[in-house]
């Protein structure tokens, strides 16, 4: 009985692994590149639209200040 249960668990893991690999194979390099570009544009829009105390030099949400610069 334990051997059958173990075999079922292994077969289930193989099916899940095959499904995940099939899904990952559908992602192209262009989709990854467009995701990075979209994230960059969204971040820049947030930095541009929010006040400096939220997204700017010393901002609590996005700090655009230079870490190595002296004050």
PDB file of N, CA and C in Angstrom:
ATOM      1  N   UNK A   1       0.825  -1.199   0.000  1.00  0.00           N
ATOM      2  CA  UNK A   1       0.000   0.000   0.000  1.00  0.00           C
ATOM      3  C   UNK A   1       0.868   1.261   0.000  1.00  0.00           C
ATOM      4  N   UNK A   2       1.918   1.274   0.808  1.00  0.00           N
ATOM      5  CA  UNK A   2       2.789   2.444   0.875  1.00  0.00           C
ATOM      6  C   UNK A   2       3.516   2.653  -0.446  1.00  0.00           C
ATOM      7  N   UNK A   3       3.863   1.558  -1.118  1.00  0.00           N
ATOM      8  CA  UNK A   3       4.552   1.655  -2.391  1.00  0.00           C
ATOM      9  C   UNK A   3       3.659   2.297  -3.454  1.00  0.00           C
ATOM     10  N   UNK A   4       2.389   1.944  -3.451  1.00  0.00           N
ATOM     11  CA  UNK A   4       1.438   2.521  -4.405  1.00  0.00           C
ATOM     12  C   UNK A   4       1.262   4.010  -4.133  1.00  0.00           C
ATOM     13  N   UNK A   5       1.148   4.383  -2.852  1.00  0.00           N
ATOM     14  CA  UNK A   5       0.996   5.792  -2.476  1.00  0.00           C
ATOM     15  C   UNK A   5       2.220   6.593  -2.907  1.00  0.00           C
ATOM     16  N   UNK A   6       3.417   6.022  -2.695  1.00  0.00           N
ATOM     17  CA  UNK A   6       4.653   6.703  -3.075  1.00  0.00           C
ATOM     18  C   UNK A   6       4.715   6.867  -4.589  1.00  0.00           C
ATOM     19  N   UNK A   7       4.306   5.858  -5.340  1.00  0.00           N
ATOM     20  CA  UNK A   7       4.317   5.939  -6.790  1.00  0.00           C
ATOM     21  C   UNK A   7       3.335   6.998  -7.283  1.00  0.00           C
ATOM     22  N   UNK A   8       2.175   7.103  -6.649  1.00  0.00           N
ATOM     23  CA  UNK A   8       1.191   8.118  -7.030  1.00  0.00           C
ATOM     24  C   UNK A   8       1.748   9.515  -6.761  1.00  0.00           C
ATOM     25  N   UNK A   9       2.438   9.693  -5.624  1.00  0.00           N
ATOM     26  CA  UNK A   9       3.031  10.999  -5.305  1.00  0.00           C
ATOM     27  C   UNK A   9       4.089  11.376  -6.328  1.00  0.00           C
ATOM     28  N   UNK A  10       4.916  10.421  -6.744  1.00  0.00           N
ATOM     29  CA  UNK A  10       5.959  10.695  -7.728  1.00  0.00           C
ATOM     30  C   UNK A  10       5.332  11.051  -9.070  1.00  0.00           C
ATOM     31  N   UNK A  11       4.319  10.319  -9.482  1.00  0.00           N
ATOM     32  CA  UNK A  11       3.653  10.612 -10.751  1.00  0.00           C
ATOM     33  C   UNK A  11       2.994  11.990 -10.719  1.00  0.00           C
ATOM     34  N   UNK A  12       2.422  12.352  -9.580  1.00  0.00           N
ATOM     35  CA  UNK A  12       1.796  13.672  -9.444  1.00  0.00           C
ATOM     36  C   UNK A  12       2.841  14.770  -9.549  1.00  0.00           C
ATOM     37  N   UNK A  13       3.990  14.579  -8.906  1.00  0.00           N
ATOM     38  CA  UNK A  13       5.057  15.586  -8.984  1.00  0.00           C
ATOM     39  C   UNK A  13       5.568  15.731 -10.407  1.00  0.00           C
ATOM     40  N   UNK A  14       5.678  14.632 -11.127  1.00  0.00           N
ATOM     41  CA  UNK A  14       6.138  14.693 -12.512  1.00  0.00           C
ATOM     42  C   UNK A  14       5.132  15.460 -13.362  1.00  0.00           C
ATOM     43  N   UNK A  15       3.838  15.231 -13.150  1.00  0.00           N
ATOM     44  CA  UNK A  15       2.809  15.942 -13.908  1.00  0.00           C
ATOM     45  C   UNK A  15       2.847  17.440 -13.605  1.00  0.00           C
ATOM     46  N   UNK A  16       3.016  17.792 -12.336  1.00  0.00           N
ATOM     47  CA  UNK A  16       3.089  19.206 -11.960  1.00  0.00           C
ATOM     48  C   UNK A  16       4.332  19.837 -12.578  1.00  0.00           C
ATOM     49  N   UNK A  17       5.465  19.133 -12.521  1.00  0.00           N
ATOM     50  CA  UNK A  17       6.705  19.654 -13.102  1.00  0.00           C
ATOM     51  C   UNK A  17       6.543  19.857 -14.610  1.00  0.00           C
ATOM     52  N   UNK A  18       5.940  18.901 -15.305  1.00  0.00           N
ATOM     53  CA  UNK A  18       5.714  19.038 -16.741  1.00  0.00           C
ATOM     54  C   UNK A  18       4.813  20.231 -17.052  1.00  0.00           C
ATOM     55  N   UNK A  19       3.773  20.425 -16.247  1.00  0.00           N
ATOM     56  CA  UNK A  19       2.879  21.566 -16.452  1.00  0.00           C
ATOM     57  C   UNK A  19       3.622  22.877 -16.261  1.00  0.00           C
ATOM     58  N   UNK A  20       4.449  22.967 -15.216  1.00  0.00           N
ATOM     59  CA  UNK A  20       5.195  24.196 -14.953  1.00  0.00           C
ATOM     60  C   UNK A  20       6.187  24.487 -16.078  1.00  0.00           C
ATOM     61  N   UNK A  21       6.874  23.473 -16.567  1.00  0.00           N
ATOM     62  CA  UNK A  21       7.838  23.682 -17.637  1.00  0.00           C
ATOM     63  C   UNK A  21       7.145  24.080 -18.939  1.00  0.00           C
ATOM     64  N   UNK A  22       5.986  23.491 -19.210  1.00  0.00           N
ATOM     65  CA  UNK A  22       5.224  23.887 -20.396  1.00  0.00           C
ATOM     66  C   UNK A  22       4.788  25.340 -20.295  1.00  0.00           C
ATOM     67  N   UNK A  23       4.386  25.766 -19.102  1.00  0.00           N
ATOM     68  CA  UNK A  23       3.966  27.152 -18.905  1.00  0.00           C
ATOM     69  C   UNK A  23       5.156  28.098 -19.035  1.00  0.00           C
ATOM     70  N   UNK A  24       6.302  27.737 -18.451  1.00  0.00           N
ATOM     71  CA  UNK A  24       7.476  28.602 -18.539  1.00  0.00           C
ATOM     72  C   UNK A  24       8.009  28.696 -19.962  1.00  0.00           C
ATOM     73  N   UNK A  25       7.802  27.660 -20.757  1.00  0.00           N
ATOM     74  CA  UNK A  25       8.285  27.663 -22.136  1.00  0.00           C
ATOM     75  C   UNK A  25       7.516  28.661 -22.995  1.00  0.00           C
ATOM     76  N   UNK A  26       6.345  29.098 -22.552  1.00  0.00           N
ATOM     77  CA  UNK A  26       5.557  30.047 -23.340  1.00  0.00           C
ATOM     78  C   UNK A  26       6.012  31.491 -23.139  1.00  0.00           C
ATOM     79  N   UNK A  27       6.834  31.753 -22.129  1.00  0.00           N
ATOM     80  CA  UNK A  27       7.317  33.107 -21.859  1.00  0.00           C
ATOM     81  C   UNK A  27       8.500  33.391 -22.769  1.00  0.00           C
ATOM     82  N   UNK A  28       8.414  34.471 -23.528  1.00  0.00           N
ATOM     83  CA  UNK A  28       9.486  34.803 -24.459  1.00  0.00           C
ATOM     84  C   UNK A  28      10.364  35.929 -23.896  1.00  0.00           C
ATOM     85  N   UNK A  29      11.506  36.094 -24.534  1.00  0.00           N
ATOM     86  CA  UNK A  29      12.430  37.158 -24.137  1.00  0.00           C
ATOM     87  C   UNK A  29      11.788  38.529 -24.333  1.00  0.00           C
ATOM     88  N   UNK A  30      10.998  38.670 -25.383  1.00  0.00           N
ATOM     89  CA  UNK A  30      10.324  39.948 -25.636  1.00  0.00           C
ATOM     90  C   UNK A  30       9.356  40.299 -24.515  1.00  0.00           C
ATOM     91  N   UNK A  31       8.650  39.311 -23.992  1.00  0.00           N
ATOM     92  CA  UNK A  31       7.714  39.569 -22.894  1.00  0.00           C
ATOM     93  C   UNK A  31       8.452  40.007 -21.636  1.00  0.00           C
ATOM     94  N   UNK A  32       9.592  39.400 -21.370  1.00  0.00           N
ATOM     95  CA  UNK A  32      10.387  39.800 -20.204  1.00  0.00           C
ATOM     96  C   UNK A  32      10.908  41.217 -20.390  1.00  0.00           C
ATOM     97  N   UNK A  33      11.399  41.530 -21.581  1.00  0.00           N
ATOM     98  CA  UNK A  33      11.886  42.879 -21.861  1.00  0.00           C
ATOM     99  C   UNK A  33      10.795  43.925 -21.740  1.00  0.00           C
ATOM    100  N   UNK A  34       9.621  43.626 -22.273  1.00  0.00           N
ATOM    101  CA  UNK A  34       8.508  44.578 -22.173  1.00  0.00           C
ATOM    102  C   UNK A  34       8.072  44.768 -20.721  1.00  0.00           C
ATOM    103  N   UNK A  35       8.166  43.736 -19.914  1.00  0.00           N
ATOM    104  CA  UNK A  35       7.821  43.864 -18.495  1.00  0.00           C
ATOM    105  C   UNK A  35       8.768  44.826 -17.797  1.00  0.00           C
ATOM    106  N   UNK A  36      10.080  44.704 -18.069  1.00  0.00           N
ATOM    107  CA  UNK A  36      11.044  45.619 -17.468  1.00  0.00           C
ATOM    108  C   UNK A  36      10.814  47.056 -17.929  1.00  0.00           C
ATOM    109  N   UNK A  37      10.525  47.241 -19.202  1.00  0.00           N
ATOM    110  CA  UNK A  37      10.262  48.593 -19.718  1.00  0.00           C
ATOM    111  C   UNK A  37       9.005  49.172 -19.071  1.00  0.00           C
ATOM    112  N   UNK A  38       7.954  48.350 -18.944  1.00  0.00           N
ATOM    113  CA  UNK A  38       6.714  48.827 -18.329  1.00  0.00           C
ATOM    114  C   UNK A  38       6.943  49.204 -16.865  1.00  0.00           C
ATOM    115  N   UNK A  39       7.698  48.393 -16.134  1.00  0.00           N
ATOM    116  CA  UNK A  39       7.992  48.718 -14.738  1.00  0.00           C
ATOM    117  C   UNK A  39       8.791  50.009 -14.624  1.00  0.00           C
ATOM    118  N   UNK A  40       9.744  50.208 -15.522  1.00  0.00           N
ATOM    119  CA  UNK A  40      10.532  51.436 -15.501  1.00  0.00           C
ATOM    120  C   UNK A  40       9.661  52.661 -15.768  1.00  0.00           C
ATOM    121  N   UNK A  41       8.775  52.563 -16.750  1.00  0.00           N
ATOM    122  CA  UNK A  41       7.889  53.691 -17.077  1.00  0.00           C
ATOM    123  C   UNK A  41       6.948  53.984 -15.913  1.00  0.00           C
ATOM    124  N   UNK A  42       6.390  52.950 -15.298  1.00  0.00           N
ATOM    125  CA  UNK A  42       5.496  53.144 -14.154  1.00  0.00           C
ATOM    126  C   UNK A  42       6.241  53.787 -12.991  1.00  0.00           C
ATOM    127  N   UNK A  43       7.481  53.332 -12.723  1.00  0.00           N
ATOM    128  CA  UNK A  43       8.266  53.909 -11.630  1.00  0.00           C
ATOM    129  C   UNK A  43       8.557  55.382 -11.897  1.00  0.00           C
ATOM    130  N   UNK A  44       8.939  55.701 -13.129  1.00  0.00           N
ATOM    131  CA  UNK A  44       9.231  57.097 -13.458  1.00  0.00           C
ATOM    132  C   UNK A  44       7.984  57.969 -13.353  1.00  0.00           C
ATOM    133  N   UNK A  45       6.834  57.430 -13.731  1.00  0.00           N
ATOM    134  CA  UNK A  45       5.585  58.184 -13.602  1.00  0.00           C
ATOM    135  C   UNK A  45       5.264  58.445 -12.135  1.00  0.00           C
ATOM    136  N   UNK A  46       5.520  57.461 -11.290  1.00  0.00           N
ATOM    137  CA  UNK A  46       5.282  57.636  -9.850  1.00  0.00           C
ATOM    138  C   UNK A  46       6.223  58.702  -9.293  1.00  0.00           C
ATOM    139  N   UNK A  47       7.514  58.613  -9.650  1.00  0.00           N
ATOM    140  CA  UNK A  47       8.485  59.591  -9.150  1.00  0.00           C
ATOM    141  C   UNK A  47       8.130  60.990  -9.634  1.00  0.00           C
ATOM    142  N   UNK A  48       7.696  61.120 -10.878  1.00  0.00           N
ATOM    143  CA  UNK A  48       7.348  62.430 -11.432  1.00  0.00           C
ATOM    144  C   UNK A  48       6.072  62.989 -10.797  1.00  0.00           C
ATOM    145  N   UNK A  49       5.097  62.120 -10.527  1.00  0.00           N
ATOM    146  CA  UNK A  49       3.795  62.597 -10.074  1.00  0.00           C
ATOM    147  C   UNK A  49       3.677  62.844  -8.585  1.00  0.00           C
ATOM    148  N   UNK A  50       4.457  62.156  -7.782  1.00  0.00           N
ATOM    149  CA  UNK A  50       4.338  62.305  -6.327  1.00  0.00           C
ATOM    150  C   UNK A  50       5.237  63.425  -5.815  1.00  0.00           C
ATOM    151  N   UNK A  51       4.888  64.015  -4.685  1.00  0.00           N
ATOM    152  CA  UNK A  51       5.730  65.061  -4.097  1.00  0.00           C
ATOM    153  C   UNK A  51       7.086  64.493  -3.648  1.00  0.00           C
ATOM    154  N   UNK A  52       8.068  65.375  -3.485  1.00  0.00           N
ATOM    155  CA  UNK A  52       9.425  64.945  -3.153  1.00  0.00           C
ATOM    156  C   UNK A  52       9.533  64.257  -1.803  1.00  0.00           C
ATOM    157  N   UNK A  53       8.685  64.591  -0.847  1.00  0.00           N
ATOM    158  CA  UNK A  53       8.803  63.927   0.453  1.00  0.00           C
ATOM    159  C   UNK A  53       8.302  62.480   0.407  1.00  0.00           C
ATOM    160  N   UNK A  54       7.590  62.105  -0.638  1.00  0.00           N
ATOM    161  CA  UNK A  54       7.143  60.722  -0.812  1.00  0.00           C
ATOM    162  C   UNK A  54       8.057  59.993  -1.795  1.00  0.00           C
ATOM    163  N   UNK A  55       8.265  60.582  -2.973  1.00  0.00           N
ATOM    164  CA  UNK A  55       9.119  59.974  -3.993  1.00  0.00           C
ATOM    165  C   UNK A  55      10.066  61.028  -4.519  1.00  0.00           C
ATOM    166  N   UNK A  56      11.206  61.100  -3.913  1.00  0.00           N
ATOM    167  CA  UNK A  56      12.206  62.087  -4.303  1.00  0.00           C
ATOM    168  C   UNK A  56      13.427  61.921  -3.432  1.00  0.00           C
ATOM    169  N   UNK A  57      14.313  62.908  -3.419  1.00  0.00           N
ATOM    170  CA  UNK A  57      15.483  62.817  -2.548  1.00  0.00           C
ATOM    171  C   UNK A  57      15.054  62.755  -1.079  1.00  0.00           C
ATOM    172  N   UNK A  58      15.332  61.649  -0.435  1.00  0.00           N
ATOM    173  CA  UNK A  58      14.939  61.452   0.960  1.00  0.00           C
ATOM    174  C   UNK A  58      13.505  61.018   1.140  1.00  0.00           C
ATOM    175  N   UNK A  59      12.834  60.646   0.065  1.00  0.00           N
ATOM    176  CA  UNK A  59      11.432  60.228   0.145  1.00  0.00           C
ATOM    177  C   UNK A  59      11.266  58.894   0.859  1.00  0.00           C
ATOM    178  N   UNK A  60      10.131  58.711   1.514  1.00  0.00           N
ATOM    179  CA  UNK A  60       9.915  57.489   2.292  1.00  0.00           C
ATOM    180  C   UNK A  60       9.450  56.334   1.407  1.00  0.00           C
ATOM    181  N   UNK A  61       8.840  56.593   0.253  1.00  0.00           N
ATOM    182  CA  UNK A  61       8.365  55.524  -0.628  1.00  0.00           C
ATOM    183  C   UNK A  61       9.437  55.145  -1.647  1.00  0.00           C
ATOM    184  N   UNK A  62       9.948  56.124  -2.373  1.00  0.00           N
ATOM    185  CA  UNK A  62      11.042  55.928  -3.321  1.00  0.00           C
ATOM    186  C   UNK A  62      12.070  57.009  -3.048  1.00  0.00           C
ATOM    187  N   UNK A  63      13.249  56.590  -2.593  1.00  0.00           N
ATOM    188  CA  UNK A  63      14.318  57.541  -2.299  1.00  0.00           C
ATOM    189  C   UNK A  63      15.219  57.653  -3.516  1.00  0.00           C
ATOM    190  N   UNK A  64      15.185  58.790  -4.196  1.00  0.00           N
ATOM    191  CA  UNK A  64      15.997  58.987  -5.395  1.00  0.00           C
ATOM    192  C   UNK A  64      17.299  59.713  -5.087  1.00  0.00           C
ATOM    193  N   UNK A  65      17.580  59.915  -3.822  1.00  0.00           N
ATOM    194  CA  UNK A  65      18.805  60.606  -3.437  1.00  0.00           C
ATOM    195  C   UNK A  65      20.037  59.735  -3.656  1.00  0.00           C
ATOM    196  N   UNK A  66      21.173  60.387  -3.765  1.00  0.00           N
ATOM    197  CA  UNK A  66      22.450  59.695  -3.964  1.00  0.00           C
ATOM    198  C   UNK A  66      22.973  59.208  -2.613  1.00  0.00           C
ATOM    199  N   UNK A  67      23.250  57.927  -2.536  1.00  0.00           N
ATOM    200  CA  UNK A  67      23.725  57.341  -1.276  1.00  0.00           C
ATOM    201  C   UNK A  67      25.153  57.771  -0.991  1.00  0.00           C
ATOM    202  N   UNK A  68      25.983  57.875  -2.018  1.00  0.00           N
ATOM    203  CA  UNK A  68      27.402  58.191  -1.842  1.00  0.00           C
ATOM    204  C   UNK A  68      27.703  59.679  -1.792  1.00  0.00           C
ATOM    205  N   UNK A  69      26.707  60.519  -2.052  1.00  0.00           N
ATOM    206  CA  UNK A  69      26.938  61.972  -2.069  1.00  0.00           C
ATOM    207  C   UNK A  69      27.024  62.513  -0.644  1.00  0.00           C
ATOM    208  N   UNK A  70      27.852  63.509  -0.487  1.00  0.00           N
ATOM    209  CA  UNK A  70      27.950  64.164   0.814  1.00  0.00           C
ATOM    210  C   UNK A  70      26.919  65.266   0.914  1.00  0.00           C
ATOM    211  N   UNK A  71      26.431  65.489   2.111  1.00  0.00           N
ATOM    212  CA  UNK A  71      25.423  66.521   2.321  1.00  0.00           C
ATOM    213  C   UNK A  71      26.013  67.882   2.490  1.00  0.00           C
TER     214      UNK A  71
END
